[in-house]
């Protein structure tokens, strides 16, 4: 299964509560609700190039499945972790550098949409993207 394509955020579920659990202040949370995030994914075998562009930043990310890498979240939180492919789902496990707590995330294609799910300290959230 290929995740390749350009995906624009369409809707979110419980995203504000998730960001609050992550320790993101209310001002940044309000801005993030309207970030117009667009994700372009180029997948070649087990290598990925992802370009995230939003109202606030543009970031390029390159990773290989199963190989640890460092990443800075939109709010500046630094994490380190890996993505793995499990069946038709991408599963990411990232450890925060500031407090060693774990953030897990998945990406799956569901009904033609890209669904990114998050879990941090017992709080779940989803962002659903439509292909452009």
N, C-alpha and C. Protein backbone atom coordinates (compact mmCIF):
# COMPACT_ATOMS: atom_id res chain seq x y z
N UNK A 1 0.85 -1.18 0.00
CA UNK A 1 0.00 0.00 0.00
C UNK A 1 0.89 1.24 0.00
N UNK A 2 0.51 2.21 -0.79
CA UNK A 2 1.29 3.44 -0.87
C UNK A 2 0.52 4.61 -0.26
N UNK A 3 1.23 5.36 0.56
CA UNK A 3 0.66 6.56 1.16
C UNK A 3 0.96 7.80 0.32
N UNK A 4 1.64 7.59 -0.82
CA UNK A 4 2.09 8.70 -1.65
C UNK A 4 0.91 9.58 -2.08
N UNK A 5 1.19 10.89 -2.10
CA UNK A 5 0.18 11.86 -2.53
C UNK A 5 0.23 13.09 -1.64
N UNK A 6 -0.65 14.03 -1.97
CA UNK A 6 -0.77 15.24 -1.16
C UNK A 6 -2.11 15.19 -0.44
N UNK A 7 -2.05 15.39 0.87
CA UNK A 7 -3.20 15.24 1.76
C UNK A 7 -3.41 16.53 2.53
N UNK A 8 -4.65 17.03 2.56
CA UNK A 8 -4.96 18.27 3.30
C UNK A 8 -5.91 17.92 4.45
N UNK A 9 -5.61 18.47 5.63
CA UNK A 9 -6.44 18.17 6.79
C UNK A 9 -7.87 18.62 6.53
N UNK A 10 -8.81 17.75 6.87
CA UNK A 10 -10.23 18.02 6.67
C UNK A 10 -10.95 18.24 8.00
N UNK A 11 -10.59 17.41 8.99
CA UNK A 11 -11.24 17.53 10.29
C UNK A 11 -10.38 16.83 11.35
N UNK A 12 -10.67 17.16 12.59
CA UNK A 12 -9.93 16.59 13.71
C UNK A 12 -10.91 16.10 14.77
N UNK A 13 -10.48 15.11 15.54
CA UNK A 13 -11.28 14.59 16.64
C UNK A 13 -10.43 14.60 17.91
N UNK A 14 -10.89 15.33 18.93
CA UNK A 14 -10.26 15.40 20.24
C UNK A 14 -8.84 15.98 20.20
N UNK A 15 -8.53 16.73 19.15
CA UNK A 15 -7.17 17.24 18.96
C UNK A 15 -6.79 18.27 20.02
N UNK A 16 -7.74 19.11 20.44
CA UNK A 16 -7.44 20.11 21.47
C UNK A 16 -7.06 19.45 22.79
N UNK A 17 -7.80 18.42 23.19
CA UNK A 17 -7.50 17.70 24.44
C UNK A 17 -6.13 17.01 24.36
N UNK A 18 -5.84 16.45 23.20
CA UNK A 18 -4.54 15.80 22.98
C UNK A 18 -3.42 16.83 23.14
N UNK A 19 -3.56 17.99 22.48
CA UNK A 19 -2.52 19.01 22.58
C UNK A 19 -2.38 19.53 24.01
N UNK A 20 -3.51 19.64 24.71
CA UNK A 20 -3.47 20.06 26.12
C UNK A 20 -2.67 19.05 26.95
N UNK A 21 -2.91 17.76 26.72
CA UNK A 21 -2.17 16.72 27.44
C UNK A 21 -0.68 16.79 27.13
N UNK A 22 -0.34 17.20 25.90
CA UNK A 22 1.06 17.36 25.49
C UNK A 22 1.72 18.57 26.15
N UNK A 23 0.90 19.41 26.79
CA UNK A 23 1.45 20.59 27.47
C UNK A 23 1.52 21.82 26.59
N UNK A 24 0.79 21.82 25.48
CA UNK A 24 0.78 22.96 24.56
C UNK A 24 -0.18 24.02 25.09
N UNK A 25 0.29 25.26 25.15
CA UNK A 25 -0.53 26.31 25.75
C UNK A 25 -1.76 26.64 24.89
N UNK A 26 -2.73 27.28 25.51
CA UNK A 26 -4.03 27.52 24.88
C UNK A 26 -3.91 28.35 23.60
N UNK A 27 -3.00 29.32 23.55
CA UNK A 27 -2.85 30.14 22.35
C UNK A 27 -2.37 29.29 21.17
N UNK A 28 -1.36 28.47 21.39
CA UNK A 28 -0.86 27.60 20.32
C UNK A 28 -1.90 26.58 19.92
N UNK A 29 -2.71 26.10 20.88
CA UNK A 29 -3.76 25.13 20.55
C UNK A 29 -4.81 25.76 19.65
N UNK A 30 -5.20 26.99 19.94
CA UNK A 30 -6.20 27.68 19.11
C UNK A 30 -5.67 27.90 17.70
N UNK A 31 -4.40 28.27 17.58
CA UNK A 31 -3.80 28.46 16.26
C UNK A 31 -3.73 27.14 15.50
N UNK A 32 -3.39 26.07 16.20
CA UNK A 32 -3.24 24.76 15.56
C UNK A 32 -4.56 24.24 15.00
N UNK A 33 -5.69 24.65 15.60
CA UNK A 33 -6.99 24.22 15.10
C UNK A 33 -7.25 24.71 13.67
N UNK A 34 -6.53 25.77 13.26
CA UNK A 34 -6.73 26.37 11.95
C UNK A 34 -5.42 26.41 11.17
N UNK A 35 -4.62 25.35 11.28
CA UNK A 35 -3.29 25.36 10.66
C UNK A 35 -3.30 25.03 9.17
N UNK A 36 -4.44 24.55 8.64
CA UNK A 36 -4.53 24.19 7.21
C UNK A 36 -3.40 23.25 6.78
N UNK A 37 -3.08 22.29 7.63
CA UNK A 37 -1.96 21.39 7.38
C UNK A 37 -2.14 20.61 6.08
N UNK A 38 -1.09 20.60 5.29
CA UNK A 38 -1.03 19.80 4.07
C UNK A 38 0.22 18.94 4.18
N UNK A 39 0.06 17.65 3.90
CA UNK A 39 1.16 16.69 3.99
C UNK A 39 1.35 16.05 2.63
N UNK A 40 2.56 16.16 2.09
CA UNK A 40 2.89 15.49 0.83
C UNK A 40 3.82 14.33 1.16
N UNK A 41 3.41 13.13 0.77
CA UNK A 41 4.16 11.92 1.09
C UNK A 41 4.68 11.31 -0.21
N UNK A 42 5.98 11.06 -0.23
CA UNK A 42 6.59 10.32 -1.33
C UNK A 42 7.19 9.05 -0.73
N UNK A 43 6.67 7.91 -1.13
CA UNK A 43 7.10 6.63 -0.58
C UNK A 43 7.79 5.83 -1.67
N UNK A 44 9.02 5.42 -1.40
CA UNK A 44 9.78 4.56 -2.30
C UNK A 44 10.28 3.38 -1.48
N UNK A 45 9.57 2.26 -1.58
CA UNK A 45 9.94 1.09 -0.78
C UNK A 45 9.79 1.42 0.70
N UNK A 46 10.89 1.29 1.47
CA UNK A 46 10.84 1.57 2.90
C UNK A 46 11.36 2.98 3.24
N UNK A 47 11.56 3.81 2.22
CA UNK A 47 12.02 5.19 2.43
C UNK A 47 10.88 6.16 2.17
N UNK A 48 10.81 7.17 3.04
CA UNK A 48 9.75 8.18 2.93
C UNK A 48 10.35 9.58 2.92
N UNK A 49 9.77 10.44 2.07
CA UNK A 49 10.05 11.88 2.13
C UNK A 49 8.70 12.54 2.35
N UNK A 50 8.60 13.32 3.42
CA UNK A 50 7.35 13.98 3.77
C UNK A 50 7.59 15.48 3.86
N UNK A 51 6.69 16.23 3.24
CA UNK A 51 6.73 17.68 3.35
C UNK A 51 5.45 18.11 4.06
N UNK A 52 5.62 18.73 5.21
CA UNK A 52 4.48 19.26 5.96
C UNK A 52 4.45 20.77 5.73
N UNK A 53 3.32 21.27 5.28
CA UNK A 53 3.20 22.72 5.15
C UNK A 53 1.89 23.16 5.78
N UNK A 54 2.00 24.21 6.58
CA UNK A 54 0.83 24.74 7.28
C UNK A 54 0.93 26.26 7.28
N UNK A 55 -0.03 26.87 7.93
CA UNK A 55 -0.04 28.32 8.08
C UNK A 55 1.23 28.79 8.78
N UNK A 56 1.84 27.92 9.60
CA UNK A 56 2.93 28.34 10.48
C UNK A 56 4.32 27.92 10.07
N UNK A 57 4.43 26.81 9.32
CA UNK A 57 5.77 26.36 8.96
C UNK A 57 5.71 25.37 7.82
N UNK A 58 6.86 25.19 7.19
CA UNK A 58 7.05 24.15 6.20
C UNK A 58 8.25 23.34 6.64
N UNK A 59 8.11 22.02 6.65
CA UNK A 59 9.19 21.16 7.13
C UNK A 59 9.29 19.93 6.25
N UNK A 60 10.53 19.58 5.89
CA UNK A 60 10.81 18.36 5.15
C UNK A 60 11.36 17.30 6.10
N UNK A 61 10.85 16.09 5.97
CA UNK A 61 11.26 14.98 6.83
C UNK A 61 11.60 13.79 5.95
N UNK A 62 12.75 13.20 6.19
CA UNK A 62 13.14 11.98 5.49
C UNK A 62 13.38 10.90 6.53
N UNK A 63 12.81 9.72 6.30
CA UNK A 63 13.07 8.61 7.21
C UNK A 63 12.96 7.29 6.46
N UNK A 64 13.56 6.28 7.06
CA UNK A 64 13.50 4.91 6.57
C UNK A 64 12.81 4.09 7.64
N UNK A 65 11.89 3.23 7.23
CA UNK A 65 11.17 2.39 8.19
C UNK A 65 12.16 1.65 9.09
N UNK A 66 11.90 1.67 10.40
CA UNK A 66 12.72 0.94 11.36
C UNK A 66 14.00 1.64 11.78
N UNK A 67 14.28 2.81 11.23
CA UNK A 67 15.51 3.54 11.56
C UNK A 67 15.14 4.78 12.39
N UNK A 68 15.74 4.88 13.59
CA UNK A 68 15.44 6.00 14.48
C UNK A 68 15.89 7.33 13.86
N UNK A 69 15.09 8.37 14.13
CA UNK A 69 15.44 9.72 13.69
C UNK A 69 14.86 10.74 14.68
N UNK A 70 15.40 11.95 14.63
CA UNK A 70 14.94 13.05 15.49
C UNK A 70 13.98 13.92 14.71
N UNK A 71 13.00 14.50 15.43
CA UNK A 71 11.98 15.31 14.80
C UNK A 71 11.53 16.38 15.79
N UNK A 72 11.21 17.54 15.27
CA UNK A 72 10.69 18.63 16.09
C UNK A 72 9.22 18.85 15.74
N UNK A 73 8.33 18.68 16.74
CA UNK A 73 6.90 18.90 16.52
C UNK A 73 6.65 20.38 16.25
N UNK A 74 5.46 20.71 15.75
CA UNK A 74 5.14 22.09 15.37
C UNK A 74 5.28 23.07 16.55
N UNK A 75 5.07 22.59 17.78
CA UNK A 75 5.18 23.47 18.95
C UNK A 75 6.62 23.57 19.47
N UNK A 76 7.55 22.87 18.81
CA UNK A 76 8.95 22.91 19.23
C UNK A 76 9.39 21.73 20.07
N UNK A 77 8.46 20.86 20.46
CA UNK A 77 8.81 19.68 21.26
C UNK A 77 9.71 18.76 20.43
N UNK A 78 10.83 18.38 21.02
CA UNK A 78 11.79 17.50 20.34
C UNK A 78 11.49 16.05 20.72
N UNK A 79 11.44 15.19 19.69
CA UNK A 79 11.21 13.76 19.90
C UNK A 79 12.21 12.95 19.08
N UNK A 80 12.34 11.68 19.46
CA UNK A 80 13.17 10.75 18.71
C UNK A 80 12.41 9.43 18.64
N UNK A 81 12.42 8.80 17.46
CA UNK A 81 11.70 7.54 17.35
C UNK A 81 11.76 6.95 15.98
N UNK A 82 10.85 6.02 15.71
CA UNK A 82 10.83 5.30 14.44
C UNK A 82 9.41 5.13 13.93
N UNK A 83 9.33 4.93 12.63
CA UNK A 83 8.10 4.48 11.97
C UNK A 83 8.32 3.04 11.53
N UNK A 84 7.28 2.22 11.65
CA UNK A 84 7.29 0.83 11.19
C UNK A 84 6.03 0.61 10.35
N UNK A 85 6.07 -0.34 9.44
CA UNK A 85 4.88 -0.71 8.68
C UNK A 85 4.33 -1.99 9.29
N UNK A 86 3.07 -1.94 9.71
CA UNK A 86 2.39 -3.13 10.22
C UNK A 86 1.16 -3.35 9.37
N UNK A 87 1.23 -4.33 8.46
CA UNK A 87 0.14 -4.54 7.52
C UNK A 87 0.01 -3.32 6.61
N UNK A 88 -1.16 -2.72 6.61
CA UNK A 88 -1.40 -1.53 5.79
C UNK A 88 -1.30 -0.24 6.60
N UNK A 89 -0.71 -0.31 7.78
CA UNK A 89 -0.66 0.84 8.67
C UNK A 89 0.78 1.22 9.01
N UNK A 90 1.03 2.53 8.98
CA UNK A 90 2.30 3.06 9.48
C UNK A 90 2.14 3.30 10.98
N UNK A 91 3.07 2.80 11.78
CA UNK A 91 3.01 3.00 13.23
C UNK A 91 4.28 3.70 13.69
N UNK A 92 4.10 4.81 14.37
CA UNK A 92 5.23 5.56 14.88
C UNK A 92 5.25 5.55 16.40
N UNK A 93 6.46 5.46 16.95
CA UNK A 93 6.64 5.52 18.40
C UNK A 93 7.78 6.49 18.65
N UNK A 94 7.45 7.58 19.35
CA UNK A 94 8.41 8.66 19.56
C UNK A 94 8.51 9.00 21.04
N UNK A 95 9.74 9.20 21.51
CA UNK A 95 9.99 9.55 22.91
C UNK A 95 10.37 11.02 22.97
N UNK A 96 9.67 11.75 23.85
CA UNK A 96 9.99 13.16 24.04
C UNK A 96 11.36 13.28 24.69
N UNK A 97 12.15 14.24 24.22
CA UNK A 97 13.49 14.44 24.78
C UNK A 97 13.43 15.19 26.11
N UNK A 98 12.36 15.95 26.36
CA UNK A 98 12.29 16.75 27.58
C UNK A 98 11.81 15.97 28.80
N UNK A 99 10.99 14.92 28.60
CA UNK A 99 10.47 14.20 29.77
C UNK A 99 10.44 12.68 29.59
N UNK A 100 10.94 12.17 28.48
CA UNK A 100 11.02 10.73 28.18
C UNK A 100 9.67 10.03 28.08
N UNK A 101 8.57 10.79 27.96
CA UNK A 101 7.25 10.19 27.78
C UNK A 101 7.05 9.85 26.31
N UNK A 102 6.21 8.84 26.06
CA UNK A 102 6.06 8.28 24.71
C UNK A 102 4.79 8.79 24.02
N UNK A 103 4.97 9.22 22.78
CA UNK A 103 3.88 9.61 21.89
C UNK A 103 3.80 8.53 20.81
N UNK A 104 2.62 7.95 20.62
CA UNK A 104 2.44 6.98 19.54
C UNK A 104 1.50 7.59 18.50
N UNK A 105 1.73 7.22 17.26
CA UNK A 105 0.89 7.71 16.17
C UNK A 105 0.79 6.66 15.09
N UNK A 106 -0.31 6.65 14.38
CA UNK A 106 -0.48 5.75 13.25
C UNK A 106 -1.00 6.55 12.06
N UNK A 107 -0.70 6.03 10.89
CA UNK A 107 -1.29 6.57 9.65
C UNK A 107 -1.88 5.38 8.90
N UNK A 108 -3.14 5.53 8.49
CA UNK A 108 -3.82 4.47 7.75
C UNK A 108 -4.74 5.10 6.71
N UNK A 109 -4.92 4.39 5.59
CA UNK A 109 -5.88 4.84 4.59
C UNK A 109 -7.21 4.16 4.89
N UNK A 110 -8.24 4.98 5.11
CA UNK A 110 -9.56 4.48 5.47
C UNK A 110 -10.59 5.18 4.57
N UNK A 111 -11.24 4.42 3.73
CA UNK A 111 -12.27 4.99 2.86
C UNK A 111 -11.75 6.13 1.99
N UNK A 112 -10.52 6.01 1.51
CA UNK A 112 -9.96 7.04 0.65
C UNK A 112 -9.39 8.24 1.38
N UNK A 113 -9.45 8.22 2.71
CA UNK A 113 -8.89 9.30 3.51
C UNK A 113 -7.66 8.80 4.26
N UNK A 114 -6.76 9.71 4.57
CA UNK A 114 -5.60 9.40 5.41
C UNK A 114 -5.98 9.77 6.84
N UNK A 115 -5.98 8.77 7.71
CA UNK A 115 -6.34 8.99 9.11
C UNK A 115 -5.07 8.88 9.95
N UNK A 116 -4.72 9.98 10.60
CA UNK A 116 -3.57 9.97 11.50
C UNK A 116 -4.12 10.00 12.92
N UNK A 117 -3.77 8.96 13.68
CA UNK A 117 -4.22 8.84 15.07
C UNK A 117 -3.04 9.06 16.00
N UNK A 118 -3.32 9.64 17.16
CA UNK A 118 -2.29 9.96 18.14
C UNK A 118 -2.71 9.44 19.51
N UNK A 119 -1.72 9.09 20.33
CA UNK A 119 -1.98 8.80 21.74
C UNK A 119 -0.81 9.33 22.56
N UNK A 120 -1.16 10.07 23.61
CA UNK A 120 -0.14 10.56 24.54
C UNK A 120 -0.74 10.55 25.94
N UNK A 121 -0.12 9.78 26.83
CA UNK A 121 -0.55 9.75 28.23
C UNK A 121 -2.05 9.50 28.37
N UNK A 122 -2.57 8.54 27.58
CA UNK A 122 -3.96 8.13 27.71
C UNK A 122 -4.97 8.97 26.94
N UNK A 123 -4.54 9.99 26.23
CA UNK A 123 -5.46 10.82 25.45
C UNK A 123 -5.27 10.51 23.97
N UNK A 124 -6.38 10.14 23.32
CA UNK A 124 -6.37 9.81 21.89
C UNK A 124 -6.93 10.97 21.08
N UNK A 125 -6.42 11.11 19.85
CA UNK A 125 -6.93 12.12 18.92
C UNK A 125 -6.74 11.61 17.50
N UNK A 126 -7.46 12.23 16.57
CA UNK A 126 -7.31 11.90 15.15
C UNK A 126 -7.32 13.18 14.33
N UNK A 127 -6.58 13.12 13.23
CA UNK A 127 -6.69 14.15 12.19
C UNK A 127 -6.96 13.38 10.90
N UNK A 128 -7.97 13.80 10.19
CA UNK A 128 -8.38 13.12 8.96
C UNK A 128 -8.08 14.03 7.77
N UNK A 129 -7.38 13.46 6.78
CA UNK A 129 -6.93 14.21 5.61
C UNK A 129 -7.61 13.69 4.35
N UNK A 130 -7.91 14.61 3.43
CA UNK A 130 -8.44 14.25 2.12
C UNK A 130 -7.35 14.43 1.08
N UNK A 131 -7.33 13.52 0.09
CA UNK A 131 -6.33 13.59 -0.96
C UNK A 131 -6.64 14.78 -1.88
N UNK A 132 -5.59 15.48 -2.26
CA UNK A 132 -5.74 16.66 -3.11
C UNK A 132 -5.58 16.29 -4.56
